[in-house]
PDB file of all heavy atoms in Angstrom:
ATOM      1  N   GLU A   1      14.845  20.089  23.267  1.00  0.00           N
ATOM      2  CA  GLU A   1      13.543  19.828  22.667  1.00  0.00           C
ATOM      3  C   GLU A   1      13.513  20.505  21.310  1.00  0.00           C
ATOM      4  O   GLU A   1      13.633  21.729  21.201  1.00  0.00           O
ATOM      5  CB  GLU A   1      12.413  20.357  23.544  1.00  0.00           C
ATOM      6  CG  GLU A   1      11.039  19.983  22.997  1.00  0.00           C
ATOM      7  CD  GLU A   1       9.907  20.426  23.892  1.00  0.00           C
ATOM      8  OE1 GLU A   1      10.065  20.378  25.129  1.00  0.00           O
ATOM      9  OE2 GLU A   1       8.869  20.827  23.336  1.00  0.00           O
ATOM     10  N   LEU A   2      13.367  19.688  20.251  1.00  0.00           N
ATOM     11  CA  LEU A   2      13.459  20.200  18.887  1.00  0.00           C
ATOM     12  C   LEU A   2      12.273  19.722  18.052  1.00  0.00           C
ATOM     13  O   LEU A   2      11.699  18.654  18.329  1.00  0.00           O
ATOM     14  CB  LEU A   2      14.753  19.711  18.225  1.00  0.00           C
ATOM     15  CG  LEU A   2      16.079  20.143  18.857  1.00  0.00           C
ATOM     16  CD1 LEU A   2      17.228  19.466  18.139  1.00  0.00           C
ATOM     17  CD2 LEU A   2      16.224  21.657  18.810  1.00  0.00           C
ATOM     18  N   PRO A   3      11.921  20.467  17.007  1.00  0.00           N
ATOM     19  CA  PRO A   3      10.907  19.975  16.072  1.00  0.00           C
ATOM     20  C   PRO A   3      11.516  18.899  15.185  1.00  0.00           C
ATOM     21  O   PRO A   3      12.691  18.931  14.835  1.00  0.00           O
ATOM     22  CB  PRO A   3      10.542  21.224  15.265  1.00  0.00           C
ATOM     23  CG  PRO A   3      11.771  22.067  15.310  1.00  0.00           C
ATOM     24  CD  PRO A   3      12.378  21.824  16.665  1.00  0.00           C
ATOM     25  N   ASP A   4      10.702  17.917  14.815  1.00  0.00           N
ATOM     26  CA  ASP A   4      11.156  16.842  13.943  1.00  0.00           C
ATOM     27  C   ASP A   4      10.026  16.511  12.976  1.00  0.00           C
ATOM     28  O   ASP A   4       8.868  16.906  13.177  1.00  0.00           O
ATOM     29  CB  ASP A   4      11.527  15.607  14.772  1.00  0.00           C
ATOM     30  CG  ASP A   4      12.383  14.627  13.986  1.00  0.00           C
ATOM     31  OD1 ASP A   4      12.774  14.947  12.843  1.00  0.00           O
ATOM     32  OD2 ASP A   4      12.661  13.535  14.506  1.00  0.00           O
ATOM     33  N   GLU A   5      10.377  15.784  11.913  1.00  0.00           N
ATOM     34  CA  GLU A   5       9.392  15.315  10.943  1.00  0.00           C
ATOM     35  C   GLU A   5       9.463  13.798  10.884  1.00  0.00           C
ATOM     36  O   GLU A   5      10.528  13.223  10.645  1.00  0.00           O
ATOM     37  CB  GLU A   5       9.645  15.914   9.561  1.00  0.00           C
ATOM     38  CG  GLU A   5       9.386  17.403   9.498  1.00  0.00           C
ATOM     39  CD  GLU A   5       9.583  17.956   8.097  1.00  0.00           C
ATOM     40  OE1 GLU A   5      10.604  17.606   7.461  1.00  0.00           O
ATOM     41  OE2 GLU A   5       8.729  18.734   7.643  1.00  0.00           O
ATOM     42  N   LEU A   6       8.325  13.147  11.105  1.00  0.00           N
ATOM     43  CA  LEU A   6       8.233  11.695  11.043  1.00  0.00           C
ATOM     44  C   LEU A   6       7.468  11.291   9.792  1.00  0.00           C
ATOM     45  O   LEU A   6       6.543  11.986   9.363  1.00  0.00           O
ATOM     46  CB  LEU A   6       7.514  11.150  12.282  1.00  0.00           C
ATOM     47  CG  LEU A   6       8.056  11.553  13.651  1.00  0.00           C
ATOM     48  CD1 LEU A   6       7.250  10.868  14.740  1.00  0.00           C
ATOM     49  CD2 LEU A   6       9.532  11.229  13.772  1.00  0.00           C
ATOM     50  N   VAL A   7       7.854  10.153   9.243  1.00  0.00           N
ATOM     51  CA  VAL A   7       7.097   9.647   8.107  1.00  0.00           C
ATOM     52  C   VAL A   7       5.698   9.254   8.581  1.00  0.00           C
ATOM     53  O   VAL A   7       5.516   8.619   9.629  1.00  0.00           O
ATOM     54  CB  VAL A   7       7.814   8.453   7.454  1.00  0.00           C
ATOM     55  CG1 VAL A   7       8.059   7.333   8.442  1.00  0.00           C
ATOM     56  CG2 VAL A   7       7.027   7.925   6.268  1.00  0.00           C
ATOM     57  N   THR A   8       4.674   9.646   7.839  1.00  0.00           N
ATOM     58  CA  THR A   8       3.292   9.338   8.199  1.00  0.00           C
ATOM     59  C   THR A   8       2.972   7.885   7.854  1.00  0.00           C
ATOM     60  O   THR A   8       3.295   7.413   6.759  1.00  0.00           O
ATOM     61  CB  THR A   8       2.319  10.266   7.457  1.00  0.00           C
ATOM     62  OG1 THR A   8       2.655  11.620   7.757  1.00  0.00           O
ATOM     63  CG2 THR A   8       0.877  10.003   7.880  1.00  0.00           C
ATOM     64  N   GLU A   9       2.354   7.188   8.782  1.00  0.00           N
ATOM     65  CA  GLU A   9       1.903   5.816   8.555  1.00  0.00           C
ATOM     66  C   GLU A   9       0.427   5.745   8.886  1.00  0.00           C
ATOM     67  O   GLU A   9       0.021   6.001  10.024  1.00  0.00           O
ATOM     68  CB  GLU A   9       2.690   4.821   9.410  1.00  0.00           C
ATOM     69  CG  GLU A   9       2.261   3.373   9.186  1.00  0.00           C
ATOM     70  CD  GLU A   9       3.062   2.385  10.020  1.00  0.00           C
ATOM     71  OE1 GLU A   9       3.664   2.814  11.025  1.00  0.00           O
ATOM     72  OE2 GLU A   9       3.074   1.195   9.680  1.00  0.00           O
ATOM     73  N   GLU A  10      -0.396   5.393   7.900  1.00  0.00           N
ATOM     74  CA  GLU A  10      -1.839   5.287   8.094  1.00  0.00           C
ATOM     75  C   GLU A  10      -2.373   4.093   7.304  1.00  0.00           C
ATOM     76  O   GLU A  10      -1.793   3.714   6.279  1.00  0.00           O
ATOM     77  CB  GLU A  10      -2.554   6.557   7.619  1.00  0.00           C
ATOM     78  CG  GLU A  10      -2.269   7.789   8.452  1.00  0.00           C
ATOM     79  CD  GLU A  10      -3.046   9.004   7.971  1.00  0.00           C
ATOM     80  OE1 GLU A  10      -3.670   8.929   6.896  1.00  0.00           O
ATOM     81  OE2 GLU A  10      -3.025  10.028   8.671  1.00  0.00           O
ATOM     82  N   PRO A  11      -3.487   3.509   7.750  1.00  0.00           N
ATOM     83  CA  PRO A  11      -4.076   2.406   6.990  1.00  0.00           C
ATOM     84  C   PRO A  11      -4.816   2.921   5.768  1.00  0.00           C
ATOM     85  O   PRO A  11      -5.340   4.033   5.754  1.00  0.00           O
ATOM     86  CB  PRO A  11      -5.049   1.776   7.985  1.00  0.00           C
ATOM     87  CG  PRO A  11      -5.459   2.930   8.858  1.00  0.00           C
ATOM     88  CD  PRO A  11      -4.234   3.804   8.977  1.00  0.00           C
ATOM     89  N   MET A  12      -4.826   2.122   4.713  1.00  0.00           N
ATOM     90  CA  MET A  12      -5.640   2.420   3.543  1.00  0.00           C
ATOM     91  C   MET A  12      -6.393   1.161   3.127  1.00  0.00           C
ATOM     92  O   MET A  12      -5.777   0.115   2.893  1.00  0.00           O
ATOM     93  CB  MET A  12      -4.806   2.922   2.373  1.00  0.00           C
ATOM     94  CG  MET A  12      -5.662   3.425   1.200  1.00  0.00           C
ATOM     95  SD  MET A  12      -4.679   4.021  -0.189  1.00  0.00           S
ATOM     96  CE  MET A  12      -4.405   2.491  -1.099  1.00  0.00           C
ATOM     97  N   GLU A  13      -7.690   1.262   3.052  1.00  0.00           N
ATOM     98  CA  GLU A  13      -8.521   0.152   2.607  1.00  0.00           C
ATOM     99  C   GLU A  13      -8.631   0.192   1.091  1.00  0.00           C
ATOM    100  O   GLU A  13      -8.977   1.220   0.503  1.00  0.00           O
ATOM    101  CB  GLU A  13      -9.915   0.259   3.234  1.00  0.00           C
ATOM    102  CG  GLU A  13     -10.855  -0.875   2.847  1.00  0.00           C
ATOM    103  CD  GLU A  13     -12.222  -0.741   3.482  1.00  0.00           C
ATOM    104  OE1 GLU A  13     -12.390   0.150   4.344  1.00  0.00           O
ATOM    105  OE2 GLU A  13     -13.128  -1.522   3.126  1.00  0.00           O
ATOM    106  N   ILE A  14      -8.323  -0.933   0.455  1.00  0.00           N
ATOM    107  CA  ILE A  14      -8.390  -1.043  -1.000  1.00  0.00           C
ATOM    108  C   ILE A  14      -9.623  -1.844  -1.373  1.00  0.00           C
ATOM    109  O   ILE A  14      -9.790  -2.987  -0.941  1.00  0.00           O
ATOM    110  CB  ILE A  14      -7.125  -1.713  -1.566  1.00  0.00           C
ATOM    111  CG1 ILE A  14      -5.890  -0.882  -1.216  1.00  0.00           C
ATOM    112  CG2 ILE A  14      -7.237  -1.888  -3.082  1.00  0.00           C
ATOM    113  CD1 ILE A  14      -4.582  -1.548  -1.597  1.00  0.00           C
ATOM    114  N   ARG A  15     -10.497  -1.227  -2.167  1.00  0.00           N
ATOM    115  CA  ARG A  15     -11.741  -1.859  -2.596  1.00  0.00           C
ATOM    116  C   ARG A  15     -11.784  -1.927  -4.116  1.00  0.00           C
ATOM    117  O   ARG A  15     -11.143  -1.113  -4.798  1.00  0.00           O
ATOM    118  CB  ARG A  15     -12.945  -1.065  -2.064  1.00  0.00           C
ATOM    119  CG  ARG A  15     -13.001  -0.980  -0.552  1.00  0.00           C
ATOM    120  CD  ARG A  15     -13.938   0.117  -0.066  1.00  0.00           C
ATOM    121  NE  ARG A  15     -15.320  -0.110  -0.427  1.00  0.00           N
ATOM    122  CZ  ARG A  15     -16.196  -0.804   0.311  1.00  0.00           C
ATOM    123  NH1 ARG A  15     -15.793  -1.321   1.469  1.00  0.00           N
ATOM    124  NH2 ARG A  15     -17.430  -0.979  -0.072  1.00  0.00           N
ATOM    125  N   VAL A  16     -12.552  -2.877  -4.639  1.00  0.00           N
ATOM    126  CA  VAL A  16     -12.661  -3.028  -6.090  1.00  0.00           C
ATOM    127  C   VAL A  16     -14.107  -3.355  -6.446  1.00  0.00           C
ATOM    128  O   VAL A  16     -14.814  -4.018  -5.666  1.00  0.00           O
ATOM    129  CB  VAL A  16     -11.700  -4.122  -6.610  1.00  0.00           C
ATOM    130  CG1 VAL A  16     -12.079  -5.503  -6.062  1.00  0.00           C
ATOM    131  CG2 VAL A  16     -11.653  -4.137  -8.136  1.00  0.00           C
ATOM    132  N   THR A  17     -14.537  -2.903  -7.619  1.00  0.00           N
ATOM    133  CA  THR A  17     -15.895  -3.187  -8.069  1.00  0.00           C
ATOM    134  C   THR A  17     -15.924  -3.271  -9.588  1.00  0.00           C
ATOM    135  O   THR A  17     -15.210  -2.534 -10.276  1.00  0.00           O
ATOM    136  CB  THR A  17     -16.882  -2.109  -7.593  1.00  0.00           C
ATOM    137  OG1 THR A  17     -18.191  -2.396  -8.104  1.00  0.00           O
ATOM    138  CG2 THR A  17     -16.476  -0.718  -8.061  1.00  0.00           C
ATOM    139  N   GLY A  18     -16.736  -4.203 -10.098  1.00  0.00           N
ATOM    140  CA  GLY A  18     -16.976  -4.311 -11.527  1.00  0.00           C
ATOM    141  C   GLY A  18     -18.377  -3.850 -11.850  1.00  0.00           C
ATOM    142  O   GLY A  18     -19.134  -3.448 -10.951  1.00  0.00           O
ATOM    143  N   PRO A  19     -18.794  -3.911 -13.111  1.00  0.00           N
ATOM    144  CA  PRO A  19     -20.125  -3.452 -13.499  1.00  0.00           C
ATOM    145  C   PRO A  19     -21.232  -4.178 -12.728  1.00  0.00           C
ATOM    146  O   PRO A  19     -21.289  -5.409 -12.721  1.00  0.00           O
ATOM    147  CB  PRO A  19     -20.196  -3.774 -14.989  1.00  0.00           C
ATOM    148  CG  PRO A  19     -18.770  -3.821 -15.437  1.00  0.00           C
ATOM    149  CD  PRO A  19     -18.012  -4.373 -14.273  1.00  0.00           C
ATOM    150  N   GLY A  20     -22.101  -3.416 -12.051  1.00  0.00           N
ATOM    151  CA  GLY A  20     -23.219  -3.998 -11.322  1.00  0.00           C
ATOM    152  C   GLY A  20     -22.848  -4.711 -10.048  1.00  0.00           C
ATOM    153  O   GLY A  20     -23.711  -5.348  -9.432  1.00  0.00           O
ATOM    154  N   GLN A  21     -21.596  -4.636  -9.628  1.00  0.00           N
ATOM    155  CA  GLN A  21     -21.157  -5.321  -8.416  1.00  0.00           C
ATOM    156  C   GLN A  21     -20.975  -4.333  -7.278  1.00  0.00           C
ATOM    157  O   GLN A  21     -20.585  -3.179  -7.501  1.00  0.00           O
ATOM    158  CB  GLN A  21     -19.810  -6.031  -8.657  1.00  0.00           C
ATOM    159  CG  GLN A  21     -19.874  -7.192  -9.611  1.00  0.00           C
ATOM    160  CD  GLN A  21     -18.499  -7.831  -9.771  1.00  0.00           C
ATOM    161  OE1 GLN A  21     -17.520  -7.155 -10.096  1.00  0.00           O
ATOM    162  NE2 GLN A  21     -18.421  -9.141  -9.527  1.00  0.00           N
ATOM    163  N   PRO A  22     -21.248  -4.769  -6.040  1.00  0.00           N
ATOM    164  CA  PRO A  22     -20.914  -3.910  -4.901  1.00  0.00           C
ATOM    165  C   PRO A  22     -19.404  -3.851  -4.719  1.00  0.00           C
ATOM    166  O   PRO A  22     -18.683  -4.785  -5.077  1.00  0.00           O
ATOM    167  CB  PRO A  22     -21.581  -4.622  -3.715  1.00  0.00           C
ATOM    168  CG  PRO A  22     -21.640  -6.061  -4.133  1.00  0.00           C
ATOM    169  CD  PRO A  22     -21.854  -6.054  -5.623  1.00  0.00           C
ATOM    170  N   ALA A  23     -18.924  -2.773  -4.183  1.00  0.00           N
ATOM    171  CA  ALA A  23     -17.495  -2.649  -3.907  1.00  0.00           C
ATOM    172  C   ALA A  23     -17.111  -3.605  -2.792  1.00  0.00           C
ATOM    173  O   ALA A  23     -17.762  -3.669  -1.755  1.00  0.00           O
ATOM    174  CB  ALA A  23     -17.152  -1.216  -3.529  1.00  0.00           C
ATOM    175  N   GLU A  24     -16.046  -4.382  -3.013  1.00  0.00           N
ATOM    176  CA  GLU A  24     -15.575  -5.339  -2.021  1.00  0.00           C
ATOM    177  C   GLU A  24     -14.178  -4.964  -1.548  1.00  0.00           C
ATOM    178  O   GLU A  24     -13.315  -4.581  -2.343  1.00  0.00           O
ATOM    179  CB  GLU A  24     -15.539  -6.749  -2.604  1.00  0.00           C
ATOM    180  CG  GLU A  24     -16.903  -7.352  -2.879  1.00  0.00           C
ATOM    181  CD  GLU A  24     -16.786  -8.832  -3.162  1.00  0.00           C
ATOM    182  OE1 GLU A  24     -16.495  -9.603  -2.214  1.00  0.00           O
ATOM    183  OE2 GLU A  24     -16.941  -9.213  -4.335  1.00  0.00           O
ATOM    184  N   THR A  25     -13.951  -5.112  -0.262  1.00  0.00           N
ATOM    185  CA  THR A  25     -12.636  -4.850   0.301  1.00  0.00           C
ATOM    186  C   THR A  25     -11.701  -6.012  -0.011  1.00  0.00           C
ATOM    187  O   THR A  25     -12.027  -7.172   0.235  1.00  0.00           O
ATOM    188  CB  THR A  25     -12.726  -4.653   1.822  1.00  0.00           C
ATOM    189  OG1 THR A  25     -13.535  -3.509   2.092  1.00  0.00           O
ATOM    190  CG2 THR A  25     -11.344  -4.441   2.428  1.00  0.00           C
ATOM    191  N   VAL A  26     -10.544  -5.694  -0.559  1.00  0.00           N
ATOM    192  CA  VAL A  26      -9.540  -6.705  -0.870  1.00  0.00           C
ATOM    193  C   VAL A  26      -8.466  -6.749   0.214  1.00  0.00           C
ATOM    194  O   VAL A  26      -8.008  -7.817   0.613  1.00  0.00           O
ATOM    195  CB  VAL A  26      -8.888  -6.424  -2.236  1.00  0.00           C
ATOM    196  CG1 VAL A  26      -7.806  -7.455  -2.547  1.00  0.00           C
ATOM    197  CG2 VAL A  26      -9.941  -6.418  -3.330  1.00  0.00           C
ATOM    198  N   ALA A  27      -8.056  -5.582   0.688  1.00  0.00           N
ATOM    199  CA  ALA A  27      -6.986  -5.534   1.681  1.00  0.00           C
ATOM    200  C   ALA A  27      -6.996  -4.194   2.389  1.00  0.00           C
ATOM    201  O   ALA A  27      -7.567  -3.215   1.904  1.00  0.00           O
ATOM    202  CB  ALA A  27      -5.628  -5.757   1.028  1.00  0.00           C
ATOM    203  N   VAL A  28      -6.369  -4.179   3.550  1.00  0.00           N
ATOM    204  CA  VAL A  28      -6.050  -2.941   4.248  1.00  0.00           C
ATOM    205  C   VAL A  28      -4.537  -2.937   4.408  1.00  0.00           C
ATOM    206  O   VAL A  28      -3.970  -3.838   5.010  1.00  0.00           O
ATOM    207  CB  VAL A  28      -6.736  -2.845   5.623  1.00  0.00           C
ATOM    208  CG1 VAL A  28      -6.304  -1.571   6.340  1.00  0.00           C
ATOM    209  CG2 VAL A  28      -8.251  -2.894   5.466  1.00  0.00           C
ATOM    210  N   THR A  29      -3.884  -1.937   3.834  1.00  0.00           N
ATOM    211  CA  THR A  29      -2.430  -1.865   3.884  1.00  0.00           C
ATOM    212  C   THR A  29      -1.993  -0.636   4.659  1.00  0.00           C
ATOM    213  O   THR A  29      -2.625   0.415   4.590  1.00  0.00           O
ATOM    214  CB  THR A  29      -1.825  -1.830   2.460  1.00  0.00           C
ATOM    215  OG1 THR A  29      -0.404  -1.866   2.550  1.00  0.00           O
ATOM    216  CG2 THR A  29      -2.248  -0.594   1.689  1.00  0.00           C
ATOM    217  N   MET A  30      -0.944  -0.778   5.423  1.00  0.00           N
ATOM    218  CA  MET A  30      -0.352   0.357   6.101  1.00  0.00           C
ATOM    219  C   MET A  30       0.577   1.057   5.116  1.00  0.00           C
ATOM    220  O   MET A  30       1.474   0.431   4.553  1.00  0.00           O
ATOM    221  CB  MET A  30       0.422  -0.087   7.334  1.00  0.00           C
ATOM    222  CG  MET A  30      -0.427  -0.847   8.347  1.00  0.00           C
ATOM    223  SD  MET A  30      -1.875   0.082   8.908  1.00  0.00           S
ATOM    224  CE  MET A  30      -1.083   1.473   9.735  1.00  0.00           C
ATOM    225  N   ARG A  31       0.338   2.359   4.898  1.00  0.00           N
ATOM    226  CA  ARG A  31       1.099   3.056   3.870  1.00  0.00           C
ATOM    227  C   ARG A  31       1.378   4.489   4.278  1.00  0.00           C
ATOM    228  O   ARG A  31       0.820   5.008   5.247  1.00  0.00           O
ATOM    229  CB  ARG A  31       0.366   2.986   2.541  1.00  0.00           C
ATOM    230  CG  ARG A  31      -0.517   4.131   2.046  1.00  0.00           C
ATOM    231  CD  ARG A  31      -1.471   4.716   2.979  1.00  0.00           C
ATOM    232  NE  ARG A  31      -2.401   5.687   2.360  1.00  0.00           N
ATOM    233  CZ  ARG A  31      -3.336   6.305   3.034  1.00  0.00           C
ATOM    234  NH1 ARG A  31      -3.483   6.079   4.322  1.00  0.00           N
ATOM    235  NH2 ARG A  31      -4.145   7.165   2.438  1.00  0.00           N
ATOM    236  N   THR A  32       2.265   5.128   3.512  1.00  0.00           N
ATOM    237  CA  THR A  32       2.497   6.554   3.621  1.00  0.00           C
ATOM    238  C   THR A  32       1.600   7.249   2.617  1.00  0.00           C
ATOM    239  O   THR A  32       1.646   6.922   1.424  1.00  0.00           O
ATOM    240  CB  THR A  32       3.968   6.894   3.326  1.00  0.00           C
ATOM    241  OG1 THR A  32       4.792   6.221   4.277  1.00  0.00           O
ATOM    242  CG2 THR A  32       4.207   8.389   3.408  1.00  0.00           C
ATOM    243  N   PRO A  33       0.742   8.169   3.040  1.00  0.00           N
ATOM    244  CA  PRO A  33      -0.162   8.839   2.096  1.00  0.00           C
ATOM    245  C   PRO A  33       0.593   9.491   0.945  1.00  0.00           C
ATOM    246  O   PRO A  33       1.685  10.025   1.115  1.00  0.00           O
ATOM    247  CB  PRO A  33      -0.853   9.887   2.979  1.00  0.00           C
ATOM    248  CG  PRO A  33      -0.785   9.323   4.352  1.00  0.00           C
ATOM    249  CD  PRO A  33       0.537   8.615   4.424  1.00  0.00           C
ATOM    250  N   GLY A  34      -0.019   9.440  -0.215  1.00  0.00           N
ATOM    251  CA  GLY A  34       0.593   9.963  -1.435  1.00  0.00           C
ATOM    252  C   GLY A  34       0.524   8.925  -2.524  1.00  0.00           C
ATOM    253  O   GLY A  34       0.841   7.758  -2.289  1.00  0.00           O
ATOM    254  N   ASN A  35       0.061   9.319  -3.713  1.00  0.00           N
ATOM    255  CA  ASN A  35      -0.079   8.383  -4.835  1.00  0.00           C
ATOM    256  C   ASN A  35      -0.952   7.195  -4.450  1.00  0.00           C
ATOM    257  O   ASN A  35      -0.684   6.052  -4.823  1.00  0.00           O
ATOM    258  CB  ASN A  35       1.293   7.903  -5.321  1.00  0.00           C
ATOM    259  CG  ASN A  35       2.240   9.038  -5.647  1.00  0.00           C
ATOM    260  OD1 ASN A  35       3.202   9.274  -4.907  1.00  0.00           O
ATOM    261  ND2 ASN A  35       1.983   9.761  -6.713  1.00  0.00           N
ATOM    262  N   ASP A  36      -2.020   7.472  -3.693  1.00  0.00           N
ATOM    263  CA  ASP A  36      -2.891   6.399  -3.200  1.00  0.00           C
ATOM    264  C   ASP A  36      -3.580   5.635  -4.323  1.00  0.00           C
ATOM    265  O   ASP A  36      -3.760   4.413  -4.234  1.00  0.00           O
ATOM    266  CB  ASP A  36      -3.953   6.984  -2.260  1.00  0.00           C
ATOM    267  CG  ASP A  36      -3.374   7.452  -0.940  1.00  0.00           C
ATOM    268  OD1 ASP A  36      -2.289   6.980  -0.564  1.00  0.00           O
ATOM    269  OD2 ASP A  36      -4.021   8.288  -0.278  1.00  0.00           O
ATOM    270  N   PHE A  37      -3.979   6.337  -5.392  1.00  0.00           N
ATOM    271  CA  PHE A  37      -4.659   5.660  -6.492  1.00  0.00           C
ATOM    272  C   PHE A  37      -3.714   4.710  -7.211  1.00  0.00           C
ATOM    273  O   PHE A  37      -4.085   3.607  -7.604  1.00  0.00           O
ATOM    274  CB  PHE A  37      -5.239   6.679  -7.468  1.00  0.00           C
ATOM    275  CG  PHE A  37      -6.391   7.494  -6.903  1.00  0.00           C
ATOM    276  CD1 PHE A  37      -6.977   8.498  -7.644  1.00  0.00           C
ATOM    277  CD2 PHE A  37      -6.889   7.248  -5.633  1.00  0.00           C
ATOM    278  CE1 PHE A  37      -8.033   9.246  -7.146  1.00  0.00           C
ATOM    279  CE2 PHE A  37      -7.941   7.986  -5.115  1.00  0.00           C
ATOM    280  CZ  PHE A  37      -8.517   8.994  -5.878  1.00  0.00           C
ATOM    281  N   GLU A  38      -2.471   5.141  -7.398  1.00  0.00           N
ATOM    282  CA  GLU A  38      -1.474   4.260  -8.003  1.00  0.00           C
ATOM    283  C   GLU A  38      -1.251   3.033  -7.136  1.00  0.00           C
ATOM    284  O   GLU A  38      -1.142   1.905  -7.650  1.00  0.00           O
ATOM    285  CB  GLU A  38      -0.159   5.012  -8.178  1.00  0.00           C
ATOM    286  CG  GLU A  38      -0.211   6.146  -9.179  1.00  0.00           C
ATOM    287  CD  GLU A  38       1.077   6.942  -9.245  1.00  0.00           C
ATOM    288  OE1 GLU A  38       2.002   6.653  -8.459  1.00  0.00           O
ATOM    289  OE2 GLU A  38       1.170   7.847 -10.088  1.00  0.00           O
ATOM    290  N   LEU A  39      -1.189   3.230  -5.835  1.00  0.00           N
ATOM    291  CA  LEU A  39      -0.982   2.114  -4.913  1.00  0.00           C
ATOM    292  C   LEU A  39      -2.116   1.106  -5.031  1.00  0.00           C
ATOM    293  O   LEU A  39      -1.880  -0.107  -5.110  1.00  0.00           O
ATOM    294  CB  LEU A  39      -0.878   2.622  -3.476  1.00  0.00           C
ATOM    295  CG  LEU A  39      -0.853   1.570  -2.366  1.00  0.00           C
ATOM    296  CD1 LEU A  39       0.292   0.584  -2.560  1.00  0.00           C
ATOM    297  CD2 LEU A  39      -0.757   2.244  -1.002  1.00  0.00           C
ATOM    298  N   ALA A  40      -3.367   1.579  -5.048  1.00  0.00           N
ATOM    299  CA  ALA A  40      -4.517   0.673  -5.115  1.00  0.00           C
ATOM    300  C   ALA A  40      -4.511  -0.128  -6.409  1.00  0.00           C
ATOM    301  O   ALA A  40      -4.675  -1.359  -6.406  1.00  0.00           O
ATOM    302  CB  ALA A  40      -5.814   1.465  -4.971  1.00  0.00           C
ATOM    303  N   VAL A  41      -4.308   0.545  -7.531  1.00  0.00           N
ATOM    304  CA  VAL A  41      -4.319  -0.143  -8.829  1.00  0.00           C
ATOM    305  C   VAL A  41      -3.121  -1.088  -8.935  1.00  0.00           C
ATOM    306  O   VAL A  41      -3.251  -2.236  -9.378  1.00  0.00           O
ATOM    307  CB  VAL A  41      -4.309   0.882  -9.976  1.00  0.00           C
ATOM    308  CG1 VAL A  41      -4.133   0.181 -11.328  1.00  0.00           C
ATOM    309  CG2 VAL A  41      -5.610   1.682  -9.989  1.00  0.00           C
ATOM    310  N   GLY A  42      -1.959  -0.637  -8.514  1.00  0.00           N
ATOM    311  CA  GLY A  42      -0.772  -1.487  -8.573  1.00  0.00           C
ATOM    312  C   GLY A  42      -0.909  -2.724  -7.716  1.00  0.00           C
ATOM    313  O   GLY A  42      -0.509  -3.819  -8.115  1.00  0.00           O
ATOM    314  N   PHE A  43      -1.484  -2.570  -6.528  1.00  0.00           N
ATOM    315  CA  PHE A  43      -1.685  -3.718  -5.648  1.00  0.00           C
ATOM    316  C   PHE A  43      -2.630  -4.730  -6.294  1.00  0.00           C
ATOM    317  O   PHE A  43      -2.359  -5.947  -6.304  1.00  0.00           O
ATOM    318  CB  PHE A  43      -2.253  -3.258  -4.304  1.00  0.00           C
ATOM    319  CG  PHE A  43      -2.525  -4.378  -3.341  1.00  0.00           C
ATOM    320  CD1 PHE A  43      -1.543  -4.834  -2.484  1.00  0.00           C
ATOM    321  CD2 PHE A  43      -3.773  -4.994  -3.301  1.00  0.00           C
ATOM    322  CE1 PHE A  43      -1.800  -5.884  -1.603  1.00  0.00           C
ATOM    323  CE2 PHE A  43      -4.031  -6.034  -2.434  1.00  0.00           C
ATOM    324  CZ  PHE A  43      -3.041  -6.481  -1.586  1.00  0.00           C
ATOM    325  N   LEU A  44      -3.747  -4.260  -6.837  1.00  0.00           N
ATOM    326  CA  LEU A  44      -4.720  -5.178  -7.442  1.00  0.00           C
ATOM    327  C   LEU A  44      -4.137  -5.910  -8.642  1.00  0.00           C
ATOM    328  O   LEU A  44      -4.403  -7.094  -8.843  1.00  0.00           O
ATOM    329  CB  LEU A  44      -5.973  -4.395  -7.857  1.00  0.00           C
ATOM    330  CG  LEU A  44      -6.788  -3.787  -6.712  1.00  0.00           C
ATOM    331  CD1 LEU A  44      -7.912  -2.914  -7.259  1.00  0.00           C
ATOM    332  CD2 LEU A  44      -7.365  -4.874  -5.806  1.00  0.00           C
ATOM    333  N   LEU A  45      -3.308  -5.227  -9.425  1.00  0.00           N
ATOM    334  CA  LEU A  45      -2.646  -5.887 -10.553  1.00  0.00           C
ATOM    335  C   LEU A  45      -1.606  -6.884 -10.070  1.00  0.00           C
ATOM    336  O   LEU A  45      -1.554  -8.023 -10.543  1.00  0.00           O
ATOM    337  CB  LEU A  45      -1.982  -4.839 -11.444  1.00  0.00           C
ATOM    338  CG  LEU A  45      -2.879  -4.081 -12.415  1.00  0.00           C
ATOM    339  CD1 LEU A  45      -2.142  -2.889 -13.005  1.00  0.00           C
ATOM    340  CD2 LEU A  45      -3.364  -5.010 -13.534  1.00  0.00           C
ATOM    341  N   SER A  46      -0.783  -6.474  -9.115  1.00  0.00           N
ATOM    342  CA  SER A  46       0.300  -7.336  -8.637  1.00  0.00           C
ATOM    343  C   SER A  46      -0.213  -8.619  -8.020  1.00  0.00           C
ATOM    344  O   SER A  46       0.394  -9.681  -8.156  1.00  0.00           O
ATOM    345  CB  SER A  46       1.158  -6.581  -7.617  1.00  0.00           C
ATOM    346  OG  SER A  46       1.819  -5.486  -8.206  1.00  0.00           O
TER     347      SER A  46
END
């Protein structure tokens, strides 16, 4: 019985909003936490 490290997998909801608009959900992606803001912006651009 040994300690181990597993890659973290969690859902992240990506939302977007423009001036005067409510935030709308575009997608929920399964990701490894870290650089979440880059992921959201990159996904919306891609």
